[in-house]
Amino acid sequence: PAELEALLVTHPAVLDAAVVRKADEEAGEVPKAFIVLKADDASKSTQAEAIMGWVAERVAPHKRIRHLEFIEQIPKSASGKILRRVLMDRDKPR
């Protein structure tokens, strides 16, 4: 996830990013990105496609982001570490 996060924050539209694993029937697990946008100037579906395509051009096929969700803020601990468990819990069915 750290490699994808480092790449994502270099995208011009991305302010902050976190990547977690997401269960997938075919692959077992795939990367899911949580993104905080710098500005809300384009439609989110257009932004999602553009960001996922941009990442796909720069990483190996198995590292491509398969799911993307826009959020207001990446949850972090007091020391600045990403709270991945909080993000993974958002995806669990209730």
Foldseek 3Di string as FASTA:
>chain_A
DVVLQVVLCVPPFFPGKDWDWDQDPPPRTAIEMETETPDPPDDPVVVVVVSQVVVPVPDDPRNGHPHYHYDNDFDADPVGHGPVVVVRVVPDDD
